[in-house]
Amino acid sequence: MSETVFTYAAPALKFGPGASDEIGHDLQGYGARRVLVVTDAGVAATGHPARIADQLAARGLEVTTYDGARVEPTDASLVEAIDFARDAGPFDAIVAVGGGSTIDTAKAVNLLTTNPGELMDYVNAPVGKAQAPSQPLLPLVAVPTTTGTGSESTTICVLDVLALHVKTGISHPALRPRLAVVDPRLTLTQPAMVTAASGMDILCHALESYTARWYADFDAKRPEERVPYCGANPVADMWSERSLTLLAGAFRTAVRDGSDTAAREQMALAATFAGLGFGNAGVHVPHANAYPIAGRVRDYRPEGYPADEPIVPHGMAVSLTAPEAFRFTFEADPERHLRAARLLEPDADLGAGPDVLPGVLTRLMRDIGIPNGLAEVGYGDADVEPLVDGALKQQRLLATAPREVTGEDLAAVFRGSMEHW
């Protein structure tokens, strides 16, 4: 029997220049008195977290700030943040000010300061025990300072498990923030490469949710079996299409001129719309591939990111196999892939066929300075097998792909992604 039901959920949303000035009012509405602000050192240097903390204190709230969130969180960095919060707490609410790494850190802190056990008890199987929270979580207000993460809308916390060299996550509806506060002013300090990588994350969120397996193509589920990612559906489609349209008009401009406030606002809105789509429909092959790409990095250090250790930023990692991944998924629904391409290049004569969407993506990636494939970030043919092994561990994501995905399919995608142009 096929599924007949899809689900949709989203946080409360406050969007627009100045939205971050109102967080104290919102927290008082939740009855909060003691608040933990979570951020990272780079974002702290912009002054945004301190400004927000001062505004909370001016409303009579007691504020503690943790600025040790790690870009691309690990199990070790999350445990450090959790231990800090346990020692400094208890708290009534949490405010995350930063990119996806900071918001994901705040989700883990929220989970492990309100529920018993250790981090690996809640990490997705087969890496962890995939335990569900037994106690309610605190109100979490997510304030993104990068355009792309989507973490302010989702039920997912992503992390690297260092000992296993694998990227995985924690997934449960309770992790979704209570309120997303999207203030485009906070993104004006993004370096160009951060804008490019984060923007590719937006783009792949929209494309993957739009091309995901249709919700009615799954087997019917009992109520207790429903998961946050239910497959492409009419509501998520609406958000994804609008996000692609905004990206078509703003993406290149925002990378070229970070001071263009109109482009920054459109990118922030595109990120929000994409999050409202993929946070319910799900993502698939490019995101599954991104986990081992980021988790196995050796010596790549992109401009605009901390230089103290190697990193392939999440949005960049997602983008590196996206052209080949969408060439692979094309046959599942050619018209969707072609419509997505036309939304991104509305004035071009694109033709038809499996190369159209990959062509649109590679032209964009080249224009905004994304590396030319996996080889440029340090991978080669000898890495294909471990990359495939890492991607196959992401069955939660691959289950949403519009085609069945085998190890051989993934190997072909990785090999075809060594260079794009």
Protein backbone atom coordinates (compact mmCIF):
# COMPACT_ATOMS: atom_id res chain seq x y z
CA MET A 1 0.00 0.00 0.00
CA SER A 2 1.37 3.44 -0.93
CA GLU A 3 1.58 6.43 1.36
CA THR A 4 -1.31 8.91 1.22
CA VAL A 5 -0.18 11.36 3.92
CA PHE A 6 2.59 13.94 4.00
CA THR A 7 3.57 16.06 6.98
CA TYR A 8 4.76 19.65 7.24
CA ALA A 9 6.26 21.55 10.17
CA ALA A 10 8.28 24.74 10.58
CA PRO A 11 9.48 27.05 13.34
CA ALA A 12 7.92 30.40 14.00
CA LEU A 13 9.70 32.92 11.76
CA LYS A 14 10.69 36.55 12.17
CA PHE A 15 12.37 37.99 9.06
CA GLY A 16 13.79 41.36 8.09
CA PRO A 17 16.37 44.02 8.94
CA GLY A 18 16.16 44.67 12.68
CA ALA A 19 14.51 41.34 13.53
CA SER A 20 17.40 40.42 15.84
CA ASP A 21 16.64 43.49 17.99
CA GLU A 22 13.41 41.89 19.22
CA ILE A 23 14.68 38.61 20.66
CA GLY A 24 14.40 39.79 24.26
CA HIS A 25 10.70 40.46 23.79
CA ASP A 26 10.23 37.01 22.25
CA LEU A 27 12.08 35.23 25.07
CA GLN A 28 10.01 36.99 27.69
CA GLY A 29 6.96 35.60 25.93
CA TYR A 30 8.38 32.13 26.56
CA GLY A 31 8.81 32.91 30.25
CA ALA A 32 12.60 32.79 30.04
CA ARG A 33 14.76 34.33 32.77
CA ARG A 34 18.18 32.67 32.32
CA VAL A 35 19.44 32.46 28.73
CA LEU A 36 22.46 30.78 27.14
CA VAL A 37 23.81 32.49 24.01
CA VAL A 38 25.79 30.09 21.80
CA THR A 39 28.17 31.43 19.14
CA ASP A 40 31.67 30.94 17.73
CA ALA A 41 34.80 33.07 17.95
CA GLY A 42 34.55 34.37 14.38
CA VAL A 43 30.95 35.51 14.75
CA ALA A 44 31.69 36.88 18.23
CA ALA A 45 34.30 39.14 16.63
CA THR A 46 31.59 40.80 14.52
CA GLY A 47 29.90 42.09 17.68
CA HIS A 48 26.47 40.65 16.82
CA PRO A 49 26.29 38.16 19.73
CA ALA A 50 27.40 40.80 22.26
CA ARG A 51 24.82 43.26 20.94
CA ILE A 52 22.07 40.66 21.25
CA ALA A 53 23.25 39.63 24.73
CA ASP A 54 23.23 43.28 25.84
CA GLN A 55 19.69 43.73 24.53
CA LEU A 56 18.57 40.63 26.45
CA ALA A 57 20.22 41.91 29.64
CA ALA A 58 18.53 45.30 29.18
CA ARG A 59 15.20 43.47 29.41
CA GLY A 60 16.20 41.93 32.73
CA LEU A 61 17.30 38.51 31.44
CA GLU A 62 20.37 36.83 32.93
CA VAL A 63 22.69 35.95 30.02
CA THR A 64 25.62 33.55 29.76
CA THR A 65 27.59 33.37 26.49
CA TYR A 66 29.46 30.38 25.09
CA ASP A 67 31.67 31.38 22.13
CA GLY A 68 33.49 28.08 21.60
CA ALA A 69 31.28 26.53 18.89
CA ARG A 70 33.46 24.94 16.22
CA VAL A 71 33.07 25.50 12.49
CA GLU A 72 32.00 22.00 11.32
CA PRO A 73 31.21 20.52 14.79
CA THR A 74 32.78 17.30 16.02
CA ASP A 75 31.70 14.96 18.77
CA ALA A 76 34.50 16.43 20.89
CA SER A 77 33.47 20.06 20.29
CA LEU A 78 29.82 19.28 21.06
CA VAL A 79 30.74 17.51 24.31
CA GLU A 80 32.81 20.55 25.31
CA ALA A 81 29.82 22.85 24.70
CA ILE A 82 27.46 20.49 26.52
CA ASP A 83 29.79 20.30 29.54
CA PHE A 84 30.01 24.12 29.64
CA ALA A 85 26.22 24.46 29.59
CA ARG A 86 25.73 21.78 32.25
CA ASP A 87 28.18 23.54 34.54
CA ALA A 88 26.82 27.05 33.89
CA GLY A 89 23.12 26.18 33.89
CA PRO A 90 20.32 25.56 34.32
CA PHE A 91 18.83 27.78 31.63
CA ASP A 92 15.30 28.56 30.50
CA ALA A 93 16.11 29.18 26.82
CA ILE A 94 18.97 29.09 24.32
CA VAL A 95 19.84 31.61 21.60
CA ALA A 96 22.15 30.48 18.78
CA VAL A 97 23.86 33.31 16.88
CA GLY A 98 25.96 32.08 13.96
CA GLY A 99 26.06 29.74 11.01
CA GLY A 100 24.83 26.19 10.79
CA SER A 101 27.69 24.95 12.97
CA THR A 102 26.66 27.21 15.83
CA ILE A 103 22.96 26.39 15.50
CA ASP A 104 23.75 22.66 15.39
CA THR A 105 25.94 23.05 18.49
CA ALA A 106 23.04 24.77 20.27
CA LYS A 107 20.71 21.91 19.29
CA ALA A 108 23.07 19.36 20.84
CA VAL A 109 23.44 21.49 23.97
CA ASN A 110 19.67 21.79 24.24
CA LEU A 111 19.20 18.04 23.87
CA LEU A 112 21.89 16.95 26.34
CA THR A 113 21.11 19.53 29.04
CA THR A 114 17.45 18.50 29.16
CA ASN A 115 17.76 14.75 28.60
CA PRO A 116 19.82 11.99 30.24
CA GLY A 117 22.67 10.09 28.64
CA GLU A 118 25.59 10.93 26.39
CA LEU A 119 25.93 12.34 22.88
CA MET A 120 26.35 9.00 21.08
CA ASP A 121 23.09 7.75 22.61
CA TYR A 122 21.24 10.14 20.28
CA VAL A 123 23.43 10.04 17.14
CA ASN A 124 21.76 8.42 14.13
CA ALA A 125 22.21 4.68 13.62
CA PRO A 126 24.36 2.84 12.67
CA VAL A 127 26.98 5.21 14.09
CA GLY A 128 25.06 5.87 17.32
CA LYS A 129 22.06 4.46 19.17
CA ALA A 130 19.45 6.80 17.62
CA GLN A 131 17.70 7.21 20.97
CA ALA A 132 14.76 9.62 21.03
CA PRO A 133 14.60 12.35 23.68
CA SER A 134 12.41 11.47 26.64
CA GLN A 135 12.09 14.98 28.11
CA PRO A 136 10.97 18.30 26.58
CA LEU A 137 13.68 20.60 25.24
CA LEU A 138 14.08 24.31 25.99
CA PRO A 139 12.91 27.02 23.59
CA LEU A 140 15.71 27.51 21.05
CA VAL A 141 15.92 30.77 19.10
CA ALA A 142 18.11 30.37 16.00
CA VAL A 143 19.68 33.53 14.55
CA PRO A 144 21.62 32.67 11.37
CA THR A 145 24.51 34.93 10.39
CA THR A 146 25.23 33.06 7.15
CA THR A 147 22.82 32.63 4.27
CA GLY A 148 22.55 28.96 3.54
CA THR A 149 22.53 26.77 6.59
CA GLY A 150 18.82 26.06 6.87
CA SER A 151 19.56 24.74 10.36
CA GLU A 152 17.23 27.36 11.81
CA SER A 153 14.33 25.46 10.16
CA THR A 154 15.35 21.84 10.53
CA THR A 155 15.30 18.95 12.97
CA ILE A 156 18.92 17.97 12.27
CA CYS A 157 22.22 18.46 14.09
CA VAL A 158 25.30 17.47 12.03
CA LEU A 159 28.67 16.44 13.47
CA ASP A 160 31.95 14.68 12.69
CA VAL A 161 32.71 11.59 14.78
CA LEU A 162 36.48 11.94 14.91
CA ALA A 163 37.48 8.39 15.76
CA LEU A 164 35.46 6.99 12.85
CA HIS A 165 36.28 9.73 10.30
CA VAL A 166 32.58 9.94 9.53
CA LYS A 167 30.09 12.78 9.40
CA THR A 168 26.66 11.95 10.75
CA GLY A 169 23.94 13.63 12.76
CA ILE A 170 21.12 13.62 15.26
CA SER A 171 17.61 13.80 13.83
CA HIS A 172 14.41 14.31 15.80
CA PRO A 173 11.47 16.78 15.57
CA ALA A 174 12.25 18.02 19.09
CA LEU A 175 15.48 19.60 17.80
CA ARG A 176 13.67 22.05 15.53
CA PRO A 177 14.11 25.63 16.87
CA ARG A 178 11.09 27.28 18.42
CA LEU A 179 11.80 30.54 16.56
CA ALA A 180 13.97 31.43 13.56
CA VAL A 181 15.10 35.07 13.53
CA VAL A 182 16.50 35.98 10.11
CA ASP A 183 18.06 39.44 10.04
CA PRO A 184 19.82 40.07 6.69
CA ARG A 185 22.01 42.76 8.29
CA LEU A 186 23.91 40.03 10.12
CA THR A 187 25.13 38.49 6.85
CA LEU A 188 26.89 41.61 5.55
CA THR A 189 30.16 40.50 7.17
CA GLN A 190 30.30 37.20 5.25
CA PRO A 191 33.47 36.82 3.14
CA ALA A 192 32.93 36.05 -0.55
CA MET A 193 33.84 32.35 -0.30
CA VAL A 194 31.55 31.89 2.71
CA THR A 195 28.76 33.48 0.67
CA ALA A 196 29.56 31.17 -2.26
CA ALA A 197 29.71 27.98 -0.21
CA SER A 198 26.68 28.84 1.90
CA GLY A 199 24.76 29.81 -1.22
CA MET A 200 25.51 26.45 -2.80
CA ASP A 201 24.02 24.88 0.31
CA ILE A 202 20.83 26.89 -0.25
CA LEU A 203 20.77 25.84 -3.87
CA CYS A 204 21.26 22.15 -3.13
CA HIS A 205 18.67 22.27 -0.34
CA ALA A 206 16.15 23.57 -2.86
CA LEU A 207 17.19 21.25 -5.70
CA GLU A 208 17.41 18.10 -3.62
CA SER A 209 14.07 18.60 -1.91
CA TYR A 210 12.46 19.47 -5.27
CA THR A 211 13.85 16.31 -6.91
CA ALA A 212 13.43 14.04 -3.87
CA ARG A 213 11.31 10.93 -4.00
CA TRP A 214 7.62 11.89 -4.10
CA TYR A 215 5.95 11.30 -0.74
CA ALA A 216 3.26 9.01 -2.24
CA ASP A 217 5.93 6.72 -3.72
CA PHE A 218 6.90 5.49 -0.26
CA ASP A 219 5.19 2.60 1.46
CA ALA A 220 2.42 3.65 3.82
CA LYS A 221 3.59 4.37 7.38
CA ARG A 222 1.94 4.04 10.74
CA PRO A 223 1.75 7.30 12.75
CA GLU A 224 4.66 6.32 14.99
CA GLU A 225 6.84 5.61 11.93
CA ARG A 226 6.65 9.09 10.43
CA VAL A 227 9.97 10.92 10.07
CA PRO A 228 10.70 14.63 9.52
CA TYR A 229 11.83 14.01 5.92
CA CYS A 230 8.71 12.69 4.16
CA GLY A 231 9.74 13.25 0.50
CA ALA A 232 8.82 15.88 -2.07
CA ASN A 233 5.31 17.23 -1.57
CA PRO A 234 3.19 20.16 -2.79
CA VAL A 235 4.00 22.48 0.12
CA ALA A 236 7.76 21.90 0.04
CA ASP A 237 7.73 22.29 -3.76
CA MET A 238 6.33 25.80 -3.44
CA TRP A 239 9.16 26.91 -1.13
CA SER A 240 11.86 25.25 -3.26
CA GLU A 241 10.70 26.85 -6.50
CA ARG A 242 10.58 30.31 -4.94
CA SER A 243 14.05 29.81 -3.47
CA LEU A 244 15.48 28.89 -6.89
CA THR A 245 13.91 31.98 -8.42
CA LEU A 246 15.49 34.25 -5.79
CA LEU A 247 18.88 32.59 -6.23
CA ALA A 248 18.76 33.18 -9.98
CA GLY A 249 18.55 36.91 -9.39
CA ALA A 250 20.82 37.41 -6.39
CA PHE A 251 23.48 34.70 -6.01
CA ARG A 252 26.21 35.97 -8.33
CA THR A 253 25.64 39.56 -7.18
CA ALA A 254 25.91 38.68 -3.48
CA VAL A 255 29.26 36.92 -4.04
CA ARG A 256 30.63 39.70 -6.25
CA ASP A 257 29.50 42.56 -3.97
CA GLY A 258 28.89 41.63 -0.36
CA SER A 259 27.72 45.16 0.43
CA ASP A 260 24.72 44.87 -1.91
CA THR A 261 21.98 44.89 0.71
CA ALA A 262 19.20 43.96 -1.74
CA ALA A 263 21.11 40.86 -2.88
CA ARG A 264 21.91 39.93 0.72
CA GLU A 265 18.24 40.19 1.67
CA GLN A 266 17.20 38.04 -1.30
CA MET A 267 19.82 35.42 -0.36
CA ALA A 268 18.55 35.37 3.22
CA LEU A 269 15.00 34.92 1.98
CA ALA A 270 16.12 32.17 -0.43
CA ALA A 271 17.84 30.37 2.44
CA THR A 272 14.71 30.62 4.58
CA PHE A 273 12.44 29.37 1.80
CA ALA A 274 14.78 26.47 0.98
CA GLY A 275 14.89 25.53 4.66
CA LEU A 276 11.10 25.50 4.86
CA GLY A 277 11.13 23.11 1.89
CA PHE A 278 13.94 20.67 2.58
CA GLY A 279 13.25 20.67 6.32
CA ASN A 280 10.22 18.54 5.45
CA ALA A 281 10.85 16.99 2.03
CA GLY A 282 14.46 16.01 2.73
CA VAL A 283 17.71 16.01 0.78
CA HIS A 284 19.50 13.14 -0.91
CA VAL A 285 22.65 12.22 -2.88
CA PRO A 286 24.70 15.48 -2.82
CA HIS A 287 24.22 15.83 0.94
CA ALA A 288 24.97 12.16 1.59
CA ASN A 289 28.20 12.55 -0.40
CA ALA A 290 29.10 15.77 1.41
CA TYR A 291 29.48 14.06 4.77
CA PRO A 292 32.54 11.94 3.87
CA ILE A 293 33.97 14.73 1.69
CA ALA A 294 34.01 17.06 4.70
CA GLY A 295 34.89 14.33 7.18
CA ARG A 296 37.97 13.02 5.35
CA VAL A 297 39.59 16.35 4.35
CA ARG A 298 43.37 16.36 4.58
CA ASP A 299 44.92 19.76 3.84
CA TYR A 300 42.44 22.00 2.00
CA ARG A 301 42.06 25.49 3.51
CA PRO A 302 39.60 27.76 1.67
CA GLU A 303 39.85 31.53 1.73
CA GLY A 304 37.54 33.22 4.21
CA TYR A 305 37.49 30.33 6.70
CA PRO A 306 39.69 29.72 9.78
CA ALA A 307 43.17 28.71 8.58
CA ASP A 308 44.21 26.81 11.70
CA GLU A 309 43.03 23.45 10.36
CA PRO A 310 41.89 21.93 7.05
CA ILE A 311 38.22 22.17 6.14
CA VAL A 312 35.87 21.61 3.24
CA PRO A 313 32.89 23.78 4.28
CA HIS A 314 29.57 21.98 4.25
CA GLY A 315 27.99 23.93 1.38
CA MET A 316 31.11 23.48 -0.73
CA ALA A 317 31.21 19.76 0.05
CA VAL A 318 27.57 19.43 -1.01
CA SER A 319 28.18 21.25 -4.28
CA LEU A 320 31.22 19.27 -5.41
CA THR A 321 29.23 16.20 -6.50
CA ALA A 322 25.93 17.96 -7.24
CA PRO A 323 26.30 18.18 -11.04
CA GLU A 324 27.02 14.46 -11.37
CA ALA A 325 24.40 13.56 -8.77
CA PHE A 326 21.66 15.37 -10.70
CA ARG A 327 22.85 13.77 -13.93
CA PHE A 328 22.31 10.43 -12.15
CA THR A 329 18.83 11.32 -10.80
CA PHE A 330 17.60 12.90 -14.04
CA GLU A 331 15.78 9.81 -15.33
CA ALA A 332 13.59 9.66 -12.21
CA ASP A 333 11.77 12.86 -13.24
CA PRO A 334 13.23 14.66 -16.28
CA GLU A 335 10.67 17.46 -16.24
CA ARG A 336 11.48 18.43 -12.63
CA HIS A 337 15.19 18.58 -13.36
CA LEU A 338 14.59 20.70 -16.47
CA ARG A 339 12.16 23.03 -14.68
CA ALA A 340 14.71 23.58 -11.92
CA ALA A 341 17.34 24.46 -14.52
CA ARG A 342 14.96 26.93 -16.19
CA LEU A 343 14.21 28.60 -12.86
CA LEU A 344 17.95 29.15 -12.35
CA GLU A 345 18.61 30.39 -15.92
CA PRO A 346 15.22 31.75 -17.00
CA ASP A 347 16.53 33.67 -20.01
CA ALA A 348 18.69 30.91 -21.52
CA ASP A 349 17.82 28.42 -24.25
CA LEU A 350 18.81 25.32 -22.32
CA GLY A 351 17.46 22.54 -24.48
CA ALA A 352 16.67 19.17 -22.90
CA GLY A 353 18.42 16.11 -21.56
CA PRO A 354 20.39 14.96 -18.50
CA ASP A 355 23.23 17.46 -19.05
CA VAL A 356 21.09 20.59 -18.72
CA LEU A 357 20.92 20.98 -14.93
CA PRO A 358 24.56 19.90 -14.44
CA GLY A 359 25.55 22.53 -17.00
CA VAL A 360 23.64 25.26 -15.16
CA LEU A 361 25.32 24.25 -11.90
CA THR A 362 28.87 24.11 -13.24
CA ARG A 363 28.53 27.54 -14.88
CA LEU A 364 27.36 28.99 -11.59
CA MET A 365 30.07 27.24 -9.56
CA ARG A 366 32.77 28.54 -11.91
CA ASP A 367 31.39 32.09 -11.74
CA ILE A 368 31.35 32.23 -7.93
CA GLY A 369 34.73 30.56 -7.36
CA ILE A 370 33.74 27.11 -6.09
CA PRO A 371 36.63 24.61 -6.60
CA ASN A 372 36.63 22.68 -9.87
CA GLY A 373 35.70 19.31 -8.44
CA LEU A 374 37.03 16.92 -5.83
CA ALA A 375 40.59 16.95 -7.16
CA GLU A 376 40.99 20.61 -6.29
CA VAL A 377 40.21 19.96 -2.62
CA GLY A 378 42.66 17.05 -2.41
CA TYR A 379 40.81 13.90 -3.47
CA GLY A 380 41.74 11.36 -6.15
CA ASP A 381 40.72 7.97 -7.50
CA ALA A 382 42.23 6.20 -4.51
CA ASP A 383 39.74 8.02 -2.27
CA VAL A 384 36.61 6.87 -4.10
CA GLU A 385 36.10 3.67 -2.10
CA PRO A 386 36.26 5.32 1.36
CA LEU A 387 34.10 8.20 0.12
CA VAL A 388 31.49 5.69 -1.07
CA ASP A 389 31.64 3.89 2.27
CA GLY A 390 31.00 7.17 4.08
CA ALA A 391 28.10 8.12 1.83
CA LEU A 392 26.48 4.71 2.21
CA LYS A 393 26.30 5.32 5.96
CA GLN A 394 23.85 8.16 5.24
CA GLN A 395 20.87 5.90 4.58
CA ARG A 396 18.50 8.42 6.17
CA LEU A 397 19.35 10.74 3.25
CA LEU A 398 19.71 8.18 0.49
CA ALA A 399 16.25 6.84 1.30
CA THR A 400 14.86 10.13 -0.02
CA ALA A 401 16.68 9.88 -3.37
CA PRO A 402 14.32 9.58 -6.35
CA ARG A 403 16.22 6.48 -7.58
CA GLU A 404 17.65 3.54 -5.70
CA VAL A 405 21.31 4.30 -5.04
CA THR A 406 23.97 1.57 -4.96
CA GLY A 407 27.63 1.75 -4.07
CA GLU A 408 28.48 1.46 -7.76
CA ASP A 409 26.23 4.44 -8.52
CA LEU A 410 27.95 6.54 -5.87
CA ALA A 411 31.39 5.52 -7.12
CA ALA A 412 30.45 6.73 -10.60
CA VAL A 413 29.24 10.04 -9.18
CA PHE A 414 32.45 10.54 -7.19
CA ARG A 415 34.68 9.63 -10.15
CA GLY A 416 32.74 11.94 -12.43
CA SER A 417 33.14 14.76 -9.93
CA MET A 418 36.94 14.93 -9.86
CA GLU A 419 36.80 17.81 -12.38
CA HIS A 420 33.79 19.66 -13.78
CA TRP A 421 35.26 22.00 -16.38
